[in-house]
Amino acid sequence: MNTQTRAQRAFSKLQNMGAPVLRFGKEDVALFVLSAEDNETEIWADYWGEFGSGYPEVSPKVTKILDQYGLVYEWNDAGSVYIYEGA
């Protein structure tokens, strides 16, 4: 399975779970982004520990899906987590 297919499947699974994921344009390096600014119904990503998590933290639900598809994350800034192809 190629990177784009794995990324699309992970994106769809996360989106179906209600995770705040956003698509990028073709010129961007990351495959997609997880917003760390939408933690109202569930804590998806918490950079500053505002929501009682051990910070910075990305939800285990998210990391499980990323691992399943061979993807990794990196904090871009306190409000966004970029998703990339794993090494």
PDB file of N, CA and C in Angstrom:
ATOM      1  N   MET A   1       0.855  -1.168   0.000  1.00  0.00           N
ATOM      2  CA  MET A   1       0.000   0.000   0.000  1.00  0.00           C
ATOM      3  C   MET A   1       0.908   1.241   0.000  1.00  0.00           C
ATOM      4  N   ASN A   2       0.659   2.161  -0.900  1.00  0.00           N
ATOM      5  CA  ASN A   2       1.516   3.353  -0.992  1.00  0.00           C
ATOM      6  C   ASN A   2       1.186   4.372   0.112  1.00  0.00           C
ATOM      7  N   THR A   3       2.057   5.344   0.256  1.00  0.00           N
ATOM      8  CA  THR A   3       1.932   6.337   1.334  1.00  0.00           C
ATOM      9  C   THR A   3       0.613   7.084   1.268  1.00  0.00           C
ATOM     10  N   GLN A   4       0.212   7.526   0.087  1.00  0.00           N
ATOM     11  CA  GLN A   4      -1.031   8.296  -0.031  1.00  0.00           C
ATOM     12  C   GLN A   4      -2.244   7.465   0.381  1.00  0.00           C
ATOM     13  N   THR A   5      -2.250   6.189   0.007  1.00  0.00           N
ATOM     14  CA  THR A   5      -3.366   5.316   0.376  1.00  0.00           C
ATOM     15  C   THR A   5      -3.406   5.111   1.886  1.00  0.00           C
ATOM     16  N   ARG A   6      -2.247   4.869   2.488  1.00  0.00           N
ATOM     17  CA  ARG A   6      -2.192   4.698   3.942  1.00  0.00           C
ATOM     18  C   ARG A   6      -2.625   5.971   4.656  1.00  0.00           C
ATOM     19  N   ALA A   7      -2.158   7.108   4.157  1.00  0.00           N
ATOM     20  CA  ALA A   7      -2.529   8.393   4.754  1.00  0.00           C
ATOM     21  C   ALA A   7      -4.034   8.630   4.629  1.00  0.00           C
ATOM     22  N   GLN A   8      -4.599   8.322   3.473  1.00  0.00           N
ATOM     23  CA  GLN A   8      -6.031   8.525   3.261  1.00  0.00           C
ATOM     24  C   GLN A   8      -6.852   7.634   4.187  1.00  0.00           C
ATOM     25  N   ARG A   9      -6.422   6.399   4.363  1.00  0.00           N
ATOM     26  CA  ARG A   9      -7.160   5.488   5.246  1.00  0.00           C
ATOM     27  C   ARG A   9      -7.071   5.946   6.702  1.00  0.00           C
ATOM     28  N   ALA A  10      -5.897   6.361   7.119  1.00  0.00           N
ATOM     29  CA  ALA A  10      -5.735   6.863   8.483  1.00  0.00           C
ATOM     30  C   ALA A  10      -6.575   8.126   8.677  1.00  0.00           C
ATOM     31  N   PHE A  11      -6.524   9.034   7.711  1.00  0.00           N
ATOM     32  CA  PHE A  11      -7.304  10.265   7.771  1.00  0.00           C
ATOM     33  C   PHE A  11      -8.791   9.936   7.920  1.00  0.00           C
ATOM     34  N   SER A  12      -9.288   9.024   7.106  1.00  0.00           N
ATOM     35  CA  SER A  12     -10.710   8.656   7.143  1.00  0.00           C
ATOM     36  C   SER A  12     -11.098   8.051   8.485  1.00  0.00           C
ATOM     37  N   LYS A  13     -10.259   7.170   9.018  1.00  0.00           N
ATOM     38  CA  LYS A  13     -10.553   6.571  10.320  1.00  0.00           C
ATOM     39  C   LYS A  13     -10.607   7.628  11.414  1.00  0.00           C
ATOM     40  N   LEU A  14      -9.635   8.518  11.399  1.00  0.00           N
ATOM     41  CA  LEU A  14      -9.605   9.580  12.403  1.00  0.00           C
ATOM     42  C   LEU A  14     -10.816  10.503  12.268  1.00  0.00           C
ATOM     43  N   GLN A  15     -11.134  10.853  11.043  1.00  0.00           N
ATOM     44  CA  GLN A  15     -12.282  11.725  10.785  1.00  0.00           C
ATOM     45  C   GLN A  15     -13.573  11.057  11.271  1.00  0.00           C
ATOM     46  N   ASN A  16     -13.720   9.766  11.008  1.00  0.00           N
ATOM     47  CA  ASN A  16     -14.919   9.036  11.441  1.00  0.00           C
ATOM     48  C   ASN A  16     -15.028   8.954  12.959  1.00  0.00           C
ATOM     49  N   MET A  17     -13.889   9.009  13.664  1.00  0.00           N
ATOM     50  CA  MET A  17     -13.873   9.010  15.131  1.00  0.00           C
ATOM     51  C   MET A  17     -14.215  10.384  15.693  1.00  0.00           C
ATOM     52  N   GLY A  18     -14.218  11.396  14.828  1.00  0.00           N
ATOM     53  CA  GLY A  18     -14.488  12.755  15.272  1.00  0.00           C
ATOM     54  C   GLY A  18     -13.246  13.584  15.525  1.00  0.00           C
ATOM     55  N   ALA A  19     -12.077  13.027  15.197  1.00  0.00           N
ATOM     56  CA  ALA A  19     -10.827  13.769  15.396  1.00  0.00           C
ATOM     57  C   ALA A  19     -10.781  14.964  14.442  1.00  0.00           C
ATOM     58  N   PRO A  20     -10.252  16.091  14.902  1.00  0.00           N
ATOM     59  CA  PRO A  20     -10.195  17.304  14.073  1.00  0.00           C
ATOM     60  C   PRO A  20      -9.007  17.271  13.097  1.00  0.00           C
ATOM     61  N   VAL A  21      -9.160  16.505  12.025  1.00  0.00           N
ATOM     62  CA  VAL A  21      -8.109  16.396  11.014  1.00  0.00           C
ATOM     63  C   VAL A  21      -8.448  17.277   9.817  1.00  0.00           C
ATOM     64  N   LEU A  22      -7.402  17.819   9.199  1.00  0.00           N
ATOM     65  CA  LEU A  22      -7.555  18.711   8.053  1.00  0.00           C
ATOM     66  C   LEU A  22      -6.640  18.259   6.926  1.00  0.00           C
ATOM     67  N   ARG A  23      -7.105  18.407   5.718  1.00  0.00           N
ATOM     68  CA  ARG A  23      -6.297  18.063   4.548  1.00  0.00           C
ATOM     69  C   ARG A  23      -5.341  19.196   4.215  1.00  0.00           C
ATOM     70  N   PHE A  24      -4.236  18.832   3.598  1.00  0.00           N
ATOM     71  CA  PHE A  24      -3.264  19.799   3.105  1.00  0.00           C
ATOM     72  C   PHE A  24      -3.320  19.851   1.591  1.00  0.00           C
ATOM     73  N   GLY A  25      -2.799  20.921   1.027  1.00  0.00           N
ATOM     74  CA  GLY A  25      -2.653  21.016  -0.418  1.00  0.00           C
ATOM     75  C   GLY A  25      -1.475  20.184  -0.884  1.00  0.00           C
ATOM     76  N   LYS A  26      -1.357  19.995  -2.167  1.00  0.00           N
ATOM     77  CA  LYS A  26      -0.302  19.152  -2.732  1.00  0.00           C
ATOM     78  C   LYS A  26       1.095  19.699  -2.480  1.00  0.00           C
ATOM     79  N   GLU A  27       1.220  20.998  -2.275  1.00  0.00           N
ATOM     80  CA  GLU A  27       2.547  21.603  -2.085  1.00  0.00           C
ATOM     81  C   GLU A  27       3.090  21.419  -0.672  1.00  0.00           C
ATOM     82  N   ASP A  28       2.262  20.975   0.257  1.00  0.00           N
ATOM     83  CA  ASP A  28       2.695  20.828   1.638  1.00  0.00           C
ATOM     84  C   ASP A  28       3.471  19.534   1.851  1.00  0.00           C
ATOM     85  N   VAL A  29       4.387  19.560   2.808  1.00  0.00           N
ATOM     86  CA  VAL A  29       5.243  18.414   3.097  1.00  0.00           C
ATOM     87  C   VAL A  29       4.499  17.348   3.896  1.00  0.00           C
ATOM     88  N   ALA A  30       3.714  17.766   4.885  1.00  0.00           N
ATOM     89  CA  ALA A  30       2.981  16.818   5.719  1.00  0.00           C
ATOM     90  C   ALA A  30       1.816  16.218   4.929  1.00  0.00           C
ATOM     91  N   LEU A  31       1.399  15.039   5.339  1.00  0.00           N
ATOM     92  CA  LEU A  31       0.285  14.357   4.676  1.00  0.00           C
ATOM     93  C   LEU A  31      -1.062  14.966   5.073  1.00  0.00           C
ATOM     94  N   PHE A  32      -1.219  15.248   6.367  1.00  0.00           N
ATOM     95  CA  PHE A  32      -2.400  15.954   6.873  1.00  0.00           C
ATOM     96  C   PHE A  32      -2.081  16.476   8.260  1.00  0.00           C
ATOM     97  N   VAL A  33      -3.023  17.185   8.851  1.00  0.00           N
ATOM     98  CA  VAL A  33      -2.783  17.803  10.163  1.00  0.00           C
ATOM     99  C   VAL A  33      -3.892  17.414  11.139  1.00  0.00           C
ATOM    100  N   LEU A  34      -3.510  17.280  12.395  1.00  0.00           N
ATOM    101  CA  LEU A  34      -4.446  17.086  13.498  1.00  0.00           C
ATOM    102  C   LEU A  34      -4.456  18.392  14.277  1.00  0.00           C
ATOM    103  N   SER A  35      -5.615  18.987  14.414  1.00  0.00           N
ATOM    104  CA  SER A  35      -5.717  20.244  15.163  1.00  0.00           C
ATOM    105  C   SER A  35      -5.619  19.973  16.658  1.00  0.00           C
ATOM    106  N   ALA A  36      -4.839  20.788  17.345  1.00  0.00           N
ATOM    107  CA  ALA A  36      -4.742  20.705  18.802  1.00  0.00           C
ATOM    108  C   ALA A  36      -5.585  21.804  19.444  1.00  0.00           C
ATOM    109  N   GLU A  37      -6.443  22.421  18.652  1.00  0.00           N
ATOM    110  CA  GLU A  37      -7.270  23.519  19.139  1.00  0.00           C
ATOM    111  C   GLU A  37      -8.735  23.134  19.273  1.00  0.00           C
ATOM    112  N   ASP A  38      -9.046  21.872  19.069  1.00  0.00           N
ATOM    113  CA  ASP A  38     -10.431  21.426  19.134  1.00  0.00           C
ATOM    114  C   ASP A  38     -10.527  20.243  20.092  1.00  0.00           C
ATOM    115  N   ASN A  39     -10.456  20.539  21.377  1.00  0.00           N
ATOM    116  CA  ASN A  39     -10.499  19.510  22.407  1.00  0.00           C
ATOM    117  C   ASN A  39     -11.752  19.611  23.255  1.00  0.00           C
ATOM    118  N   GLU A  40     -12.825  20.069  22.655  1.00  0.00           N
ATOM    119  CA  GLU A  40     -14.054  20.282  23.414  1.00  0.00           C
ATOM    120  C   GLU A  40     -14.753  18.980  23.796  1.00  0.00           C
ATOM    121  N   THR A  41     -14.858  18.050  22.868  1.00  0.00           N
ATOM    122  CA  THR A  41     -15.553  16.794  23.160  1.00  0.00           C
ATOM    123  C   THR A  41     -14.606  15.695  23.609  1.00  0.00           C
ATOM    124  N   GLU A  42     -13.357  15.795  23.204  1.00  0.00           N
ATOM    125  CA  GLU A  42     -12.350  14.802  23.557  1.00  0.00           C
ATOM    126  C   GLU A  42     -10.971  15.440  23.394  1.00  0.00           C
ATOM    127  N   ILE A  43     -10.012  15.002  24.177  1.00  0.00           N
ATOM    128  CA  ILE A  43      -8.663  15.551  24.063  1.00  0.00           C
ATOM    129  C   ILE A  43      -7.913  14.784  22.982  1.00  0.00           C
ATOM    130  N   TRP A  44      -7.676  15.462  21.868  1.00  0.00           N
ATOM    131  CA  TRP A  44      -6.994  14.849  20.723  1.00  0.00           C
ATOM    132  C   TRP A  44      -5.503  15.148  20.754  1.00  0.00           C
ATOM    133  N   ALA A  45      -5.157  16.360  21.133  1.00  0.00           N
ATOM    134  CA  ALA A  45      -3.759  16.766  21.229  1.00  0.00           C
ATOM    135  C   ALA A  45      -3.685  17.917  22.217  1.00  0.00           C
ATOM    136  N   ASP A  46      -2.723  17.854  23.125  1.00  0.00           N
ATOM    137  CA  ASP A  46      -2.644  18.827  24.207  1.00  0.00           C
ATOM    138  C   ASP A  46      -1.184  19.205  24.421  1.00  0.00           C
ATOM    139  N   TYR A  47      -0.765  20.320  23.849  1.00  0.00           N
ATOM    140  CA  TYR A  47       0.629  20.736  23.913  1.00  0.00           C
ATOM    141  C   TYR A  47       1.014  21.290  25.278  1.00  0.00           C
ATOM    142  N   TRP A  48       0.159  22.099  25.864  1.00  0.00           N
ATOM    143  CA  TRP A  48       0.486  22.789  27.106  1.00  0.00           C
ATOM    144  C   TRP A  48      -0.010  22.081  28.360  1.00  0.00           C
ATOM    145  N   GLY A  49      -0.701  20.978  28.226  1.00  0.00           N
ATOM    146  CA  GLY A  49      -1.238  20.298  29.396  1.00  0.00           C
ATOM    147  C   GLY A  49      -2.462  20.982  29.983  1.00  0.00           C
ATOM    148  N   GLU A  50      -3.134  21.776  29.180  1.00  0.00           N
ATOM    149  CA  GLU A  50      -4.316  22.515  29.643  1.00  0.00           C
ATOM    150  C   GLU A  50      -5.471  21.602  30.022  1.00  0.00           C
ATOM    151  N   PHE A  51      -5.475  20.405  29.484  1.00  0.00           N
ATOM    152  CA  PHE A  51      -6.596  19.502  29.681  1.00  0.00           C
ATOM    153  C   PHE A  51      -6.251  18.354  30.618  1.00  0.00           C
ATOM    154  N   GLY A  52      -5.169  18.519  31.380  1.00  0.00           N
ATOM    155  CA  GLY A  52      -4.811  17.522  32.368  1.00  0.00           C
ATOM    156  C   GLY A  52      -4.005  16.345  31.845  1.00  0.00           C
ATOM    157  N   SER A  53      -3.572  16.426  30.607  1.00  0.00           N
ATOM    158  CA  SER A  53      -2.766  15.334  30.059  1.00  0.00           C
ATOM    159  C   SER A  53      -1.307  15.528  30.461  1.00  0.00           C
ATOM    160  N   GLY A  54      -0.515  14.492  30.268  1.00  0.00           N
ATOM    161  CA  GLY A  54       0.928  14.658  30.414  1.00  0.00           C
ATOM    162  C   GLY A  54       1.402  15.296  29.126  1.00  0.00           C
ATOM    163  N   TYR A  55       1.780  16.514  29.146  1.00  0.00           N
ATOM    164  CA  TYR A  55       2.002  17.262  27.910  1.00  0.00           C
ATOM    165  C   TYR A  55       3.446  17.216  27.456  1.00  0.00           C
ATOM    166  N   PRO A  56       3.765  17.491  26.194  1.00  0.00           N
ATOM    167  CA  PRO A  56       2.783  17.473  25.100  1.00  0.00           C
ATOM    168  C   PRO A  56       2.354  16.047  24.801  1.00  0.00           C
ATOM    169  N   GLU A  57       1.107  15.880  24.503  1.00  0.00           N
ATOM    170  CA  GLU A  57       0.573  14.549  24.260  1.00  0.00           C
ATOM    171  C   GLU A  57      -0.411  14.544  23.108  1.00  0.00           C
ATOM    172  N   VAL A  58      -0.378  13.468  22.355  1.00  0.00           N
ATOM    173  CA  VAL A  58      -1.367  13.188  21.320  1.00  0.00           C
ATOM    174  C   VAL A  58      -2.146  11.973  21.808  1.00  0.00           C
ATOM    175  N   SER A  59      -3.437  11.995  21.619  1.00  0.00           N
ATOM    176  CA  SER A  59      -4.303  10.918  22.096  1.00  0.00           C
ATOM    177  C   SER A  59      -3.793   9.544  21.662  1.00  0.00           C
ATOM    178  N   PRO A  60      -3.820   8.567  22.577  1.00  0.00           N
ATOM    179  CA  PRO A  60      -3.440   7.202  22.217  1.00  0.00           C
ATOM    180  C   PRO A  60      -4.308   6.631  21.090  1.00  0.00           C
ATOM    181  N   LYS A  61      -5.556   7.098  20.989  1.00  0.00           N
ATOM    182  CA  LYS A  61      -6.415   6.657  19.883  1.00  0.00           C
ATOM    183  C   LYS A  61      -5.812   7.066  18.547  1.00  0.00           C
ATOM    184  N   VAL A  62      -5.260   8.267  18.500  1.00  0.00           N
ATOM    185  CA  VAL A  62      -4.645   8.777  17.272  1.00  0.00           C
ATOM    186  C   VAL A  62      -3.359   8.019  16.980  1.00  0.00           C
ATOM    187  N   THR A  63      -2.503   7.884  17.982  1.00  0.00           N
ATOM    188  CA  THR A  63      -1.212   7.226  17.742  1.00  0.00           C
ATOM    189  C   THR A  63      -1.388   5.767  17.344  1.00  0.00           C
ATOM    190  N   LYS A  64      -2.409   5.118  17.853  1.00  0.00           N
ATOM    191  CA  LYS A  64      -2.681   3.728  17.469  1.00  0.00           C
ATOM    192  C   LYS A  64      -2.982   3.622  15.970  1.00  0.00           C
ATOM    193  N   ILE A  65      -3.786   4.532  15.471  1.00  0.00           N
ATOM    194  CA  ILE A  65      -4.118   4.529  14.044  1.00  0.00           C
ATOM    195  C   ILE A  65      -2.898   4.886  13.204  1.00  0.00           C
ATOM    196  N   LEU A  66      -2.139   5.874  13.640  1.00  0.00           N
ATOM    197  CA  LEU A  66      -0.929   6.238  12.898  1.00  0.00           C
ATOM    198  C   LEU A  66       0.033   5.069  12.840  1.00  0.00           C
ATOM    199  N   ASP A  67       0.224   4.375  13.951  1.00  0.00           N
ATOM    200  CA  ASP A  67       1.099   3.197  13.969  1.00  0.00           C
ATOM    201  C   ASP A  67       0.604   2.123  13.013  1.00  0.00           C
ATOM    202  N   GLN A  68      -0.693   1.923  12.993  1.00  0.00           N
ATOM    203  CA  GLN A  68      -1.305   0.908  12.125  1.00  0.00           C
ATOM    204  C   GLN A  68      -0.972   1.159  10.654  1.00  0.00           C
ATOM    205  N   TYR A  69      -0.855   2.422  10.269  1.00  0.00           N
ATOM    206  CA  TYR A  69      -0.604   2.767   8.874  1.00  0.00           C
ATOM    207  C   TYR A  69       0.828   3.243   8.609  1.00  0.00           C
ATOM    208  N   GLY A  70       1.703   3.049   9.570  1.00  0.00           N
ATOM    209  CA  GLY A  70       3.110   3.401   9.369  1.00  0.00           C
ATOM    210  C   GLY A  70       3.356   4.891   9.252  1.00  0.00           C
ATOM    211  N   LEU A  71       2.571   5.684   9.994  1.00  0.00           N
ATOM    212  CA  LEU A  71       2.696   7.135   9.969  1.00  0.00           C
ATOM    213  C   LEU A  71       3.196   7.631  11.318  1.00  0.00           C
ATOM    214  N   VAL A  72       3.767   8.806  11.332  1.00  0.00           N
ATOM    215  CA  VAL A  72       4.275   9.411  12.560  1.00  0.00           C
ATOM    216  C   VAL A  72       3.770  10.847  12.649  1.00  0.00           C
ATOM    217  N   TYR A  73       3.867  11.414  13.837  1.00  0.00           N
ATOM    218  CA  TYR A  73       3.455  12.804  14.010  1.00  0.00           C
ATOM    219  C   TYR A  73       4.608  13.640  14.535  1.00  0.00           C
ATOM    220  N   GLU A  74       4.486  14.950  14.321  1.00  0.00           N
ATOM    221  CA  GLU A  74       5.420  15.912  14.872  1.00  0.00           C
ATOM    222  C   GLU A  74       4.636  17.190  15.137  1.00  0.00           C
ATOM    223  N   TRP A  75       4.878  17.796  16.290  1.00  0.00           N
ATOM    224  CA  TRP A  75       4.222  19.059  16.587  1.00  0.00           C
ATOM    225  C   TRP A  75       4.775  20.126  15.650  1.00  0.00           C
ATOM    226  N   ASN A  76       3.890  20.837  14.964  1.00  0.00           N
ATOM    227  CA  ASN A  76       4.297  21.970  14.132  1.00  0.00           C
ATOM    228  C   ASN A  76       4.374  23.221  14.996  1.00  0.00           C
ATOM    229  N   ASP A  77       3.369  23.389  15.823  1.00  0.00           N
ATOM    230  CA  ASP A  77       3.291  24.460  16.805  1.00  0.00           C
ATOM    231  C   ASP A  77       2.306  23.985  17.867  1.00  0.00           C
ATOM    232  N   ALA A  78       2.002  24.805  18.836  1.00  0.00           N
ATOM    233  CA  ALA A  78       1.124  24.379  19.931  1.00  0.00           C
ATOM    234  C   ALA A  78      -0.297  24.064  19.472  1.00  0.00           C
ATOM    235  N   GLY A  79      -0.668  24.490  18.280  1.00  0.00           N
ATOM    236  CA  GLY A  79      -2.027  24.279  17.801  1.00  0.00           C
ATOM    237  C   GLY A  79      -2.186  23.238  16.711  1.00  0.00           C
ATOM    238  N   SER A  80      -1.080  22.656  16.234  1.00  0.00           N
ATOM    239  CA  SER A  80      -1.215  21.701  15.141  1.00  0.00           C
ATOM    240  C   SER A  80      -0.138  20.615  15.172  1.00  0.00           C
ATOM    241  N   VAL A  81      -0.591  19.424  14.844  1.00  0.00           N
ATOM    242  CA  VAL A  81       0.267  18.243  14.788  1.00  0.00           C
ATOM    243  C   VAL A  81       0.295  17.776  13.335  1.00  0.00           C
ATOM    244  N   TYR A  82       1.485  17.750  12.752  1.00  0.00           N
ATOM    245  CA  TYR A  82       1.620  17.314  11.355  1.00  0.00           C
ATOM    246  C   TYR A  82       1.851  15.819  11.301  1.00  0.00           C
ATOM    247  N   ILE A  83       1.231  15.184  10.328  1.00  0.00           N
ATOM    248  CA  ILE A  83       1.345  13.745  10.137  1.00  0.00           C
ATOM    249  C   ILE A  83       2.211  13.477   8.896  1.00  0.00           C
ATOM    250  N   TYR A  84       3.182  12.589   9.078  1.00  0.00           N
ATOM    251  CA  TYR A  84       4.146  12.266   8.022  1.00  0.00           C
ATOM    252  C   TYR A  84       4.258  10.762   7.831  1.00  0.00           C
ATOM    253  N   GLU A  85       4.898  10.381   6.765  1.00  0.00           N
ATOM    254  CA  GLU A  85       5.236   8.977   6.538  1.00  0.00           C
ATOM    255  C   GLU A  85       6.306   8.597   7.552  1.00  0.00           C
ATOM    256  N   GLY A  86       6.172   7.394   8.115  1.00  0.00           N
ATOM    257  CA  GLY A  86       7.154   6.912   9.087  1.00  0.00           C
ATOM    258  C   GLY A  86       8.471   6.574   8.437  1.00  0.00           C
ATOM    259  N   ALA A  87       9.498   6.480   9.247  1.00  0.00           N
ATOM    260  CA  ALA A  87      10.843   6.190   8.736  1.00  0.00           C
ATOM    261  C   ALA A  87      10.991   4.744   8.344  1.00  0.00           C
TER     262      ALA A  87
END
